[in-house]
Amino acid sequence: MTSIWLIVILAVLAANTPFMNERCFAIIAVQRFSFSKPLWCRALELLILYFVVGGIGMLLERNAGNRFQQGWEFYAITLCLFLVLAFPGFVFRYLRKRHG
């Protein structure tokens, strides 16, 4: 049960990471861009983090002892869910009105 909540919390944090800072994967400073990462860079980072979280989920499932085969439908649904989890970060970065 704790591994389920671990994956959910990890997915929420990973989905919002590209939008909450100007570093790649919250670690690598991007010096080429003057002040803001472009949207394509954030989208690529989001896709890579989706695969990282999915890999961690597979490892936890394998350690639980019951690894199940998944079809393309599973990955399509989890990718859409990951994008939904990224919505608060997207709103914070691009849709929020800045007063001042």
N, C-alpha and C. Protein backbone atom coordinates (compact mmCIF):
# COMPACT_ATOMS: atom_id res chain seq x y z
N MET A 1 0.81 -1.20 0.00
CA MET A 1 0.00 0.00 0.00
C MET A 1 0.86 1.27 0.00
N THR A 2 1.97 1.23 0.71
CA THR A 2 2.82 2.42 0.76
C THR A 2 3.50 2.66 -0.58
N SER A 3 3.78 1.59 -1.32
CA SER A 3 4.42 1.78 -2.63
C SER A 3 3.48 2.47 -3.61
N ILE A 4 2.18 2.26 -3.47
CA ILE A 4 1.21 2.94 -4.32
C ILE A 4 1.24 4.44 -4.06
N TRP A 5 1.22 4.82 -2.79
CA TRP A 5 1.24 6.24 -2.45
C TRP A 5 2.58 6.86 -2.80
N LEU A 6 3.64 6.09 -2.71
CA LEU A 6 4.95 6.59 -3.10
C LEU A 6 4.98 6.94 -4.59
N ILE A 7 4.41 6.09 -5.41
CA ILE A 7 4.37 6.35 -6.85
C ILE A 7 3.48 7.55 -7.16
N VAL A 8 2.36 7.67 -6.50
CA VAL A 8 1.45 8.79 -6.74
C VAL A 8 2.13 10.12 -6.37
N ILE A 9 2.75 10.17 -5.22
CA ILE A 9 3.44 11.39 -4.79
C ILE A 9 4.62 11.70 -5.69
N LEU A 10 5.37 10.68 -6.06
CA LEU A 10 6.50 10.86 -6.97
C LEU A 10 6.03 11.35 -8.34
N ALA A 11 4.91 10.83 -8.82
CA ALA A 11 4.38 11.26 -10.12
C ALA A 11 3.93 12.72 -10.08
N VAL A 12 3.28 13.13 -9.01
CA VAL A 12 2.85 14.53 -8.89
C VAL A 12 4.05 15.46 -8.85
N LEU A 13 5.06 15.11 -8.08
CA LEU A 13 6.26 15.95 -8.00
C LEU A 13 7.00 15.99 -9.33
N ALA A 14 7.15 14.83 -9.98
CA ALA A 14 7.88 14.77 -11.25
C ALA A 14 7.12 15.48 -12.36
N ALA A 15 5.80 15.40 -12.37
CA ALA A 15 5.02 16.04 -13.42
C ALA A 15 5.09 17.56 -13.33
N ASN A 16 5.24 18.09 -12.14
CA ASN A 16 5.28 19.54 -11.98
C ASN A 16 6.68 20.13 -11.95
N THR A 17 7.69 19.29 -11.84
CA THR A 17 9.08 19.76 -11.78
C THR A 17 9.49 20.60 -12.99
N PRO A 18 9.17 20.20 -14.23
CA PRO A 18 9.63 21.02 -15.36
C PRO A 18 9.08 22.44 -15.37
N PHE A 19 7.94 22.66 -14.73
CA PHE A 19 7.30 23.96 -14.77
C PHE A 19 7.64 24.84 -13.57
N MET A 20 8.21 24.25 -12.54
CA MET A 20 8.45 25.00 -11.31
C MET A 20 9.84 25.60 -11.21
N ASN A 21 10.75 25.27 -12.14
CA ASN A 21 12.09 25.84 -12.06
C ASN A 21 12.67 25.99 -13.46
N GLU A 22 13.80 26.67 -13.54
CA GLU A 22 14.45 26.93 -14.83
C GLU A 22 15.62 25.99 -15.09
N ARG A 23 15.80 25.00 -14.27
CA ARG A 23 16.87 24.02 -14.45
C ARG A 23 16.30 22.76 -15.09
N CYS A 24 17.13 22.08 -15.87
CA CYS A 24 16.70 20.80 -16.44
C CYS A 24 16.73 19.74 -15.35
N PHE A 25 15.62 19.06 -15.16
CA PHE A 25 15.45 18.03 -14.14
C PHE A 25 15.74 18.55 -12.74
N ALA A 26 15.59 19.85 -12.55
CA ALA A 26 15.80 20.54 -11.28
C ALA A 26 17.24 20.42 -10.78
N ILE A 27 18.16 20.03 -11.68
CA ILE A 27 19.55 19.85 -11.28
C ILE A 27 20.50 20.65 -12.16
N ILE A 28 20.35 20.52 -13.49
CA ILE A 28 21.30 21.07 -14.44
C ILE A 28 20.90 22.49 -14.82
N ALA A 29 21.79 23.43 -14.60
CA ALA A 29 21.52 24.82 -14.96
C ALA A 29 21.61 24.98 -16.48
N VAL A 30 20.65 25.69 -17.03
CA VAL A 30 20.61 25.92 -18.48
C VAL A 30 21.11 27.33 -18.73
N GLN A 31 22.30 27.46 -19.29
CA GLN A 31 22.91 28.76 -19.53
C GLN A 31 22.62 29.30 -20.93
N ARG A 32 22.26 28.42 -21.87
CA ARG A 32 22.03 28.86 -23.25
C ARG A 32 20.80 29.74 -23.37
N PHE A 33 19.81 29.50 -22.55
CA PHE A 33 18.56 30.26 -22.63
C PHE A 33 18.69 31.48 -21.73
N SER A 34 18.25 32.60 -22.23
CA SER A 34 18.50 33.85 -21.52
C SER A 34 17.81 33.91 -20.16
N PHE A 35 16.54 33.57 -20.09
CA PHE A 35 15.85 33.69 -18.80
C PHE A 35 14.81 32.61 -18.57
N SER A 36 14.41 31.88 -19.58
CA SER A 36 13.35 30.91 -19.40
C SER A 36 13.53 29.74 -20.34
N LYS A 37 13.26 28.54 -19.84
CA LYS A 37 13.31 27.36 -20.71
C LYS A 37 12.15 27.43 -21.70
N PRO A 38 12.36 27.05 -22.94
CA PRO A 38 11.25 27.03 -23.90
C PRO A 38 10.30 25.86 -23.60
N LEU A 39 9.10 25.96 -24.14
CA LEU A 39 8.08 24.95 -23.89
C LEU A 39 8.49 23.57 -24.38
N TRP A 40 9.20 23.50 -25.52
CA TRP A 40 9.60 22.19 -26.03
C TRP A 40 10.59 21.51 -25.08
N CYS A 41 11.42 22.28 -24.42
CA CYS A 41 12.36 21.72 -23.45
C CYS A 41 11.62 21.18 -22.23
N ARG A 42 10.62 21.91 -21.80
CA ARG A 42 9.81 21.45 -20.66
C ARG A 42 9.02 20.19 -21.03
N ALA A 43 8.51 20.13 -22.26
CA ALA A 43 7.75 18.95 -22.71
C ALA A 43 8.66 17.73 -22.80
N LEU A 44 9.87 17.90 -23.31
CA LEU A 44 10.81 16.79 -23.39
C LEU A 44 11.20 16.31 -22.00
N GLU A 45 11.42 17.23 -21.10
CA GLU A 45 11.72 16.89 -19.71
C GLU A 45 10.56 16.14 -19.07
N LEU A 46 9.35 16.57 -19.35
CA LEU A 46 8.16 15.91 -18.83
C LEU A 46 8.06 14.47 -19.33
N LEU A 47 8.34 14.25 -20.62
CA LEU A 47 8.29 12.91 -21.19
C LEU A 47 9.36 12.01 -20.57
N ILE A 48 10.55 12.52 -20.39
CA ILE A 48 11.61 11.72 -19.77
C ILE A 48 11.26 11.37 -18.32
N LEU A 49 10.71 12.33 -17.59
CA LEU A 49 10.31 12.06 -16.21
C LEU A 49 9.17 11.05 -16.14
N TYR A 50 8.30 11.02 -17.16
CA TYR A 50 7.24 10.01 -17.22
C TYR A 50 7.86 8.61 -17.27
N PHE A 51 8.89 8.44 -18.10
CA PHE A 51 9.54 7.13 -18.20
C PHE A 51 10.30 6.78 -16.93
N VAL A 52 10.89 7.77 -16.27
CA VAL A 52 11.60 7.52 -15.01
C VAL A 52 10.62 7.04 -13.93
N VAL A 53 9.50 7.74 -13.79
CA VAL A 53 8.50 7.34 -12.79
C VAL A 53 7.92 5.97 -13.14
N GLY A 54 7.69 5.72 -14.43
CA GLY A 54 7.20 4.41 -14.85
C GLY A 54 8.19 3.30 -14.54
N GLY A 55 9.47 3.57 -14.73
CA GLY A 55 10.49 2.57 -14.39
C GLY A 55 10.54 2.28 -12.90
N ILE A 56 10.41 3.33 -12.09
CA ILE A 56 10.38 3.12 -10.64
C ILE A 56 9.15 2.32 -10.25
N GLY A 57 8.02 2.60 -10.89
CA GLY A 57 6.81 1.83 -10.63
C GLY A 57 6.97 0.36 -11.00
N MET A 58 7.63 0.09 -12.13
CA MET A 58 7.88 -1.30 -12.52
C MET A 58 8.79 -2.01 -11.52
N LEU A 59 9.81 -1.30 -11.02
CA LEU A 59 10.70 -1.90 -10.02
C LEU A 59 9.95 -2.22 -8.73
N LEU A 60 9.09 -1.32 -8.30
CA LEU A 60 8.31 -1.58 -7.09
C LEU A 60 7.33 -2.73 -7.29
N GLU A 61 6.76 -2.81 -8.49
CA GLU A 61 5.83 -3.90 -8.78
C GLU A 61 6.56 -5.23 -8.82
N ARG A 62 7.75 -5.24 -9.40
CA ARG A 62 8.54 -6.47 -9.46
C ARG A 62 8.95 -6.92 -8.06
N ASN A 63 9.30 -5.96 -7.19
CA ASN A 63 9.68 -6.31 -5.82
C ASN A 63 8.49 -6.83 -5.02
N ALA A 64 7.29 -6.44 -5.39
CA ALA A 64 6.09 -6.95 -4.71
C ALA A 64 5.81 -8.39 -5.12
N GLY A 65 6.39 -8.81 -6.23
CA GLY A 65 6.26 -10.21 -6.61
C GLY A 65 5.22 -10.52 -7.65
N ASN A 66 4.51 -9.52 -8.15
CA ASN A 66 3.47 -9.81 -9.14
C ASN A 66 3.54 -8.83 -10.30
N ARG A 67 4.55 -8.98 -11.13
CA ARG A 67 4.71 -8.12 -12.31
C ARG A 67 3.77 -8.59 -13.40
N PHE A 68 2.90 -7.71 -13.87
CA PHE A 68 1.92 -8.04 -14.91
C PHE A 68 2.34 -7.43 -16.24
N GLN A 69 2.03 -8.10 -17.32
CA GLN A 69 2.27 -7.56 -18.66
C GLN A 69 1.26 -6.45 -18.94
N GLN A 70 1.72 -5.38 -19.58
CA GLN A 70 0.85 -4.25 -19.90
C GLN A 70 0.84 -4.04 -21.40
N GLY A 71 -0.32 -3.71 -21.94
CA GLY A 71 -0.44 -3.39 -23.35
C GLY A 71 -0.28 -1.90 -23.59
N TRP A 72 -0.42 -1.49 -24.83
CA TRP A 72 -0.24 -0.08 -25.18
C TRP A 72 -1.29 0.80 -24.52
N GLU A 73 -2.46 0.22 -24.24
CA GLU A 73 -3.53 1.00 -23.61
C GLU A 73 -3.12 1.50 -22.23
N PHE A 74 -2.43 0.65 -21.47
CA PHE A 74 -1.96 1.03 -20.14
C PHE A 74 -1.04 2.24 -20.22
N TYR A 75 -0.09 2.21 -21.17
CA TYR A 75 0.86 3.30 -21.29
C TYR A 75 0.20 4.58 -21.81
N ALA A 76 -0.78 4.45 -22.68
CA ALA A 76 -1.50 5.63 -23.16
C ALA A 76 -2.28 6.29 -22.01
N ILE A 77 -2.91 5.48 -21.19
CA ILE A 77 -3.68 6.02 -20.07
C ILE A 77 -2.77 6.64 -19.02
N THR A 78 -1.65 5.98 -18.71
CA THR A 78 -0.76 6.55 -17.69
C THR A 78 -0.09 7.82 -18.18
N LEU A 79 0.20 7.92 -19.49
CA LEU A 79 0.76 9.16 -20.02
C LEU A 79 -0.26 10.29 -19.91
N CYS A 80 -1.51 10.01 -20.24
CA CYS A 80 -2.56 11.03 -20.10
C CYS A 80 -2.74 11.44 -18.64
N LEU A 81 -2.67 10.49 -17.73
CA LEU A 81 -2.78 10.80 -16.30
C LEU A 81 -1.60 11.65 -15.85
N PHE A 82 -0.41 11.35 -16.35
CA PHE A 82 0.78 12.14 -16.01
C PHE A 82 0.63 13.57 -16.51
N LEU A 83 0.05 13.74 -17.69
CA LEU A 83 -0.18 15.09 -18.22
C LEU A 83 -1.21 15.84 -17.38
N VAL A 84 -2.22 15.13 -16.89
CA VAL A 84 -3.22 15.76 -16.01
C VAL A 84 -2.56 16.18 -14.70
N LEU A 85 -1.66 15.35 -14.18
CA LEU A 85 -0.96 15.72 -12.95
C LEU A 85 -0.06 16.93 -13.15
N ALA A 86 0.39 17.17 -14.38
CA ALA A 86 1.26 18.31 -14.67
C ALA A 86 0.48 19.61 -14.86
N PHE A 87 -0.84 19.55 -14.89
CA PHE A 87 -1.63 20.74 -15.15
C PHE A 87 -1.43 21.87 -14.15
N PRO A 88 -1.33 21.61 -12.84
CA PRO A 88 -1.09 22.73 -11.91
C PRO A 88 0.21 23.47 -12.21
N GLY A 89 1.26 22.76 -12.54
CA GLY A 89 2.52 23.41 -12.88
C GLY A 89 2.42 24.22 -14.16
N PHE A 90 1.70 23.69 -15.16
CA PHE A 90 1.49 24.41 -16.42
C PHE A 90 0.72 25.70 -16.17
N VAL A 91 -0.32 25.63 -15.36
CA VAL A 91 -1.10 26.82 -15.04
C VAL A 91 -0.23 27.83 -14.29
N PHE A 92 0.56 27.35 -13.35
CA PHE A 92 1.44 28.24 -12.59
C PHE A 92 2.43 28.95 -13.52
N ARG A 93 2.96 28.25 -14.51
CA ARG A 93 3.99 28.81 -15.38
C ARG A 93 3.42 29.69 -16.48
N TYR A 94 2.33 29.26 -17.13
CA TYR A 94 1.89 29.93 -18.35
C TYR A 94 0.54 30.65 -18.26
N LEU A 95 -0.34 30.26 -17.39
CA LEU A 95 -1.68 30.84 -17.39
C LEU A 95 -1.97 31.78 -16.22
N ARG A 96 -1.11 31.80 -15.24
CA ARG A 96 -1.33 32.66 -14.07
C ARG A 96 -1.08 34.11 -14.42
N LYS A 97 -1.95 34.98 -13.98
CA LYS A 97 -1.76 36.42 -14.21
C LYS A 97 -0.73 36.94 -13.22
N ARG A 98 0.19 37.70 -13.75
CA ARG A 98 1.22 38.30 -12.90
C ARG A 98 0.87 39.76 -12.66
N HIS A 99 0.67 40.10 -11.40
CA HIS A 99 0.33 41.47 -11.03
C HIS A 99 1.60 42.21 -10.67
N GLY A 100 1.72 43.39 -11.20
CA GLY A 100 2.87 44.17 -10.75
C GLY A 100 3.59 44.87 -11.81
